[in-house]
Amino acid sequence: MGNKNRRDNIHFGCAQIRALPPKQAIKPTTTKTVGAKSKPVTVRIALLLTDRDILKLGANRDALLQGTARRAGCSIDILPKKDGTTEVGMVFAGSPIAVTKGKTWIKERLIQRNGFHL
């Protein structure tokens, strides 16, 4: 006679076939409207260098700083020296990771020029 399972009625000899609805494989997602995009965090760190440190960077220090800034993804600027001071500021600006990379590479360069190796 008939199948007692009412959810899956299949009658042989009849044209009526009722099966379960197909299962949904992907959950529907609701999208949230985003008001304003958040800006990436910009960090500025200054490294104080003496005249001796500037000389350690070498004659091609501008090319060295440009290459380091390009590889690290941050900007590196040497501030002008003020009268009566013995230190010069080197400013790194960019994302936290890029600033850390640039600062580390410059420090390593200064250490290697001093004769110490990491």
C-alpha atoms as a PDB file:
ATOM      1  CA  MET A   1       0.000   0.000   0.000  1.00  0.00           C
ATOM      2  CA  GLY A   2       1.331   3.381   0.918  1.00  0.00           C
ATOM      3  CA  ASN A   3       4.518   4.445   2.576  1.00  0.00           C
ATOM      4  CA  LYS A   4       4.054   5.478   6.206  1.00  0.00           C
ATOM      5  CA  ASN A   5       6.813   8.084   5.877  1.00  0.00           C
ATOM      6  CA  ARG A   6       4.813  11.144   4.911  1.00  0.00           C
ATOM      7  CA  ARG A   7       7.908  13.243   4.067  1.00  0.00           C
ATOM      8  CA  ASP A   8       9.041  10.993   1.256  1.00  0.00           C
ATOM      9  CA  ASN A   9       5.964   9.677  -0.487  1.00  0.00           C
ATOM     10  CA  ILE A  10       6.743   7.632  -3.523  1.00  0.00           C
ATOM     11  CA  HIS A  11       3.780   5.804  -4.942  1.00  0.00           C
ATOM     12  CA  PHE A  12       4.618   3.162  -7.429  1.00  0.00           C
ATOM     13  CA  GLY A  13       2.221   3.113 -10.296  1.00  0.00           C
ATOM     14  CA  CYS A  14       1.167   6.689  -9.632  1.00  0.00           C
ATOM     15  CA  ALA A  15       2.413   9.823 -11.239  1.00  0.00           C
ATOM     16  CA  GLN A  16       2.734  11.506  -7.871  1.00  0.00           C
ATOM     17  CA  ILE A  17       6.317  11.662  -6.510  1.00  0.00           C
ATOM     18  CA  ARG A  18       7.148  13.834  -3.534  1.00  0.00           C
ATOM     19  CA  ALA A  19      10.694  14.040  -2.209  1.00  0.00           C
ATOM     20  CA  LEU A  20      12.547  16.124   0.328  1.00  0.00           C
ATOM     21  CA  PRO A  21      13.726  19.550  -0.754  1.00  0.00           C
ATOM     22  CA  PRO A  22      17.423  19.659  -1.651  1.00  0.00           C
ATOM     23  CA  LYS A  23      19.766  20.613   1.159  1.00  0.00           C
ATOM     24  CA  GLN A  24      21.407  23.966   0.917  1.00  0.00           C
ATOM     25  CA  ALA A  25      25.156  23.642   0.509  1.00  0.00           C
ATOM     26  CA  ILE A  26      26.090  27.273   1.067  1.00  0.00           C
ATOM     27  CA  LYS A  27      24.784  29.433   3.859  1.00  0.00           C
ATOM     28  CA  PRO A  28      23.377  32.745   2.759  1.00  0.00           C
ATOM     29  CA  THR A  29      25.500  35.615   3.986  1.00  0.00           C
ATOM     30  CA  THR A  30      24.248  38.970   4.997  1.00  0.00           C
ATOM     31  CA  THR A  31      26.370  41.911   3.990  1.00  0.00           C
ATOM     32  CA  LYS A  32      26.850  44.814   6.318  1.00  0.00           C
ATOM     33  CA  THR A  33      27.059  48.265   4.882  1.00  0.00           C
ATOM     34  CA  VAL A  34      30.376  49.845   5.649  1.00  0.00           C
ATOM     35  CA  GLY A  35      30.217  53.538   6.385  1.00  0.00           C
ATOM     36  CA  ALA A  36      33.734  54.835   5.993  1.00  0.00           C
ATOM     37  CA  LYS A  37      36.872  52.883   5.277  1.00  0.00           C
ATOM     38  CA  SER A  38      39.347  52.854   8.103  1.00  0.00           C
ATOM     39  CA  LYS A  39      42.676  54.419   7.276  1.00  0.00           C
ATOM     40  CA  PRO A  40      45.820  52.358   7.711  1.00  0.00           C
ATOM     41  CA  VAL A  41      47.886  53.154  10.756  1.00  0.00           C
ATOM     42  CA  THR A  42      50.899  55.376  10.073  1.00  0.00           C
ATOM     43  CA  VAL A  43      53.800  55.356  12.485  1.00  0.00           C
ATOM     44  CA  ARG A  44      56.655  57.858  12.740  1.00  0.00           C
ATOM     45  CA  ILE A  45      59.832  56.891  14.569  1.00  0.00           C
ATOM     46  CA  ALA A  46      62.981  58.988  14.895  1.00  0.00           C
ATOM     47  CA  LEU A  47      66.434  57.474  15.182  1.00  0.00           C
ATOM     48  CA  LEU A  48      69.156  59.794  16.489  1.00  0.00           C
ATOM     49  CA  LEU A  49      72.477  59.517  14.656  1.00  0.00           C
ATOM     50  CA  THR A  50      75.797  61.156  15.407  1.00  0.00           C
ATOM     51  CA  ASP A  51      78.115  62.604  12.771  1.00  0.00           C
ATOM     52  CA  ARG A  52      80.160  59.422  13.049  1.00  0.00           C
ATOM     53  CA  ASP A  53      77.075  57.320  12.260  1.00  0.00           C
ATOM     54  CA  ILE A  54      76.339  59.424   9.185  1.00  0.00           C
ATOM     55  CA  LEU A  55      79.897  58.836   7.966  1.00  0.00           C
ATOM     56  CA  LYS A  56      79.465  55.075   8.549  1.00  0.00           C
ATOM     57  CA  LEU A  57      76.561  55.026   6.121  1.00  0.00           C
ATOM     58  CA  GLY A  58      79.058  55.891   3.422  1.00  0.00           C
ATOM     59  CA  ALA A  59      79.348  58.297   0.530  1.00  0.00           C
ATOM     60  CA  ASN A  60      76.301  56.818  -1.192  1.00  0.00           C
ATOM     61  CA  ARG A  61      74.045  57.268   1.828  1.00  0.00           C
ATOM     62  CA  ASP A  62      71.271  58.901  -0.222  1.00  0.00           C
ATOM     63  CA  ALA A  63      71.124  55.892  -2.551  1.00  0.00           C
ATOM     64  CA  LEU A  64      71.316  53.564   0.457  1.00  0.00           C
ATOM     65  CA  LEU A  65      68.414  55.325   2.174  1.00  0.00           C
ATOM     66  CA  GLN A  66      66.314  55.368  -1.008  1.00  0.00           C
ATOM     67  CA  GLY A  67      66.921  51.657  -1.601  1.00  0.00           C
ATOM     68  CA  THR A  68      66.176  50.761   2.010  1.00  0.00           C
ATOM     69  CA  ALA A  69      63.003  52.857   1.969  1.00  0.00           C
ATOM     70  CA  ARG A  70      61.847  51.232  -1.282  1.00  0.00           C
ATOM     71  CA  ARG A  71      62.498  47.683  -0.028  1.00  0.00           C
ATOM     72  CA  ALA A  72      60.946  48.288   3.390  1.00  0.00           C
ATOM     73  CA  GLY A  73      57.961  50.252   2.062  1.00  0.00           C
ATOM     74  CA  CYS A  74      58.420  53.291   4.299  1.00  0.00           C
ATOM     75  CA  SER A  75      59.805  56.785   3.894  1.00  0.00           C
ATOM     76  CA  ILE A  76      63.155  57.707   5.431  1.00  0.00           C
ATOM     77  CA  ASP A  77      64.254  61.315   5.873  1.00  0.00           C
ATOM     78  CA  ILE A  78      67.306  62.839   7.506  1.00  0.00           C
ATOM     79  CA  LEU A  79      66.400  66.014   9.347  1.00  0.00           C
ATOM     80  CA  PRO A  80      68.688  69.029   8.997  1.00  0.00           C
ATOM     81  CA  LYS A  81      71.242  69.458  11.741  1.00  0.00           C
ATOM     82  CA  LYS A  82      70.547  72.246  14.223  1.00  0.00           C
ATOM     83  CA  ASP A  83      73.299  74.543  15.423  1.00  0.00           C
ATOM     84  CA  GLY A  84      75.043  73.345  18.563  1.00  0.00           C
ATOM     85  CA  THR A  85      73.802  69.754  18.395  1.00  0.00           C
ATOM     86  CA  THR A  86      75.880  66.687  17.707  1.00  0.00           C
ATOM     87  CA  GLU A  87      72.986  64.462  16.684  1.00  0.00           C
ATOM     88  CA  VAL A  88      70.906  64.266  13.540  1.00  0.00           C
ATOM     89  CA  GLY A  89      67.413  62.806  13.434  1.00  0.00           C
ATOM     90  CA  MET A  90      66.488  60.146  10.899  1.00  0.00           C
ATOM     91  CA  VAL A  91      62.703  59.820  10.634  1.00  0.00           C
ATOM     92  CA  PHE A  92      60.970  56.630   9.478  1.00  0.00           C
ATOM     93  CA  ALA A  93      57.292  56.898   8.509  1.00  0.00           C
ATOM     94  CA  GLY A  94      54.859  54.265   7.249  1.00  0.00           C
ATOM     95  CA  SER A  95      53.087  51.149   8.468  1.00  0.00           C
ATOM     96  CA  PRO A  96      54.406  49.620  11.709  1.00  0.00           C
ATOM     97  CA  ILE A  97      55.919  46.630   9.897  1.00  0.00           C
ATOM     98  CA  ALA A  98      57.590  48.758   7.212  1.00  0.00           C
ATOM     99  CA  VAL A  99      59.045  51.167   9.769  1.00  0.00           C
ATOM    100  CA  THR A 100      60.435  48.282  11.816  1.00  0.00           C
ATOM    101  CA  LYS A 101      62.035  46.733   8.726  1.00  0.00           C
ATOM    102  CA  GLY A 102      63.651  49.988   7.625  1.00  0.00           C
ATOM    103  CA  LYS A 103      64.936  50.852  11.096  1.00  0.00           C
ATOM    104  CA  THR A 104      66.368  47.354  11.575  1.00  0.00           C
ATOM    105  CA  TRP A 105      68.171  47.409   8.214  1.00  0.00           C
ATOM    106  CA  ILE A 106      69.753  50.799   8.931  1.00  0.00           C
ATOM    107  CA  LYS A 107      70.858  49.652  12.405  1.00  0.00           C
ATOM    108  CA  GLU A 108      72.364  46.478  10.926  1.00  0.00           C
ATOM    109  CA  ARG A 109      74.203  48.563   8.354  1.00  0.00           C
ATOM    110  CA  LEU A 110      75.666  50.774  11.093  1.00  0.00           C
ATOM    111  CA  ILE A 111      76.727  47.744  13.153  1.00  0.00           C
ATOM    112  CA  GLN A 112      78.395  46.073  10.160  1.00  0.00           C
ATOM    113  CA  ARG A 113      80.299  49.251   9.325  1.00  0.00           C
ATOM    114  CA  ASN A 114      81.540  49.352  12.909  1.00  0.00           C
ATOM    115  CA  GLY A 115      83.211  45.954  12.536  1.00  0.00           C
ATOM    116  CA  PHE A 116      80.691  44.011  14.594  1.00  0.00           C
ATOM    117  CA  HIS A 117      78.629  41.332  12.908  1.00  0.00           C
ATOM    118  CA  LEU A 118      75.299  39.987  14.088  1.00  0.00           C
END
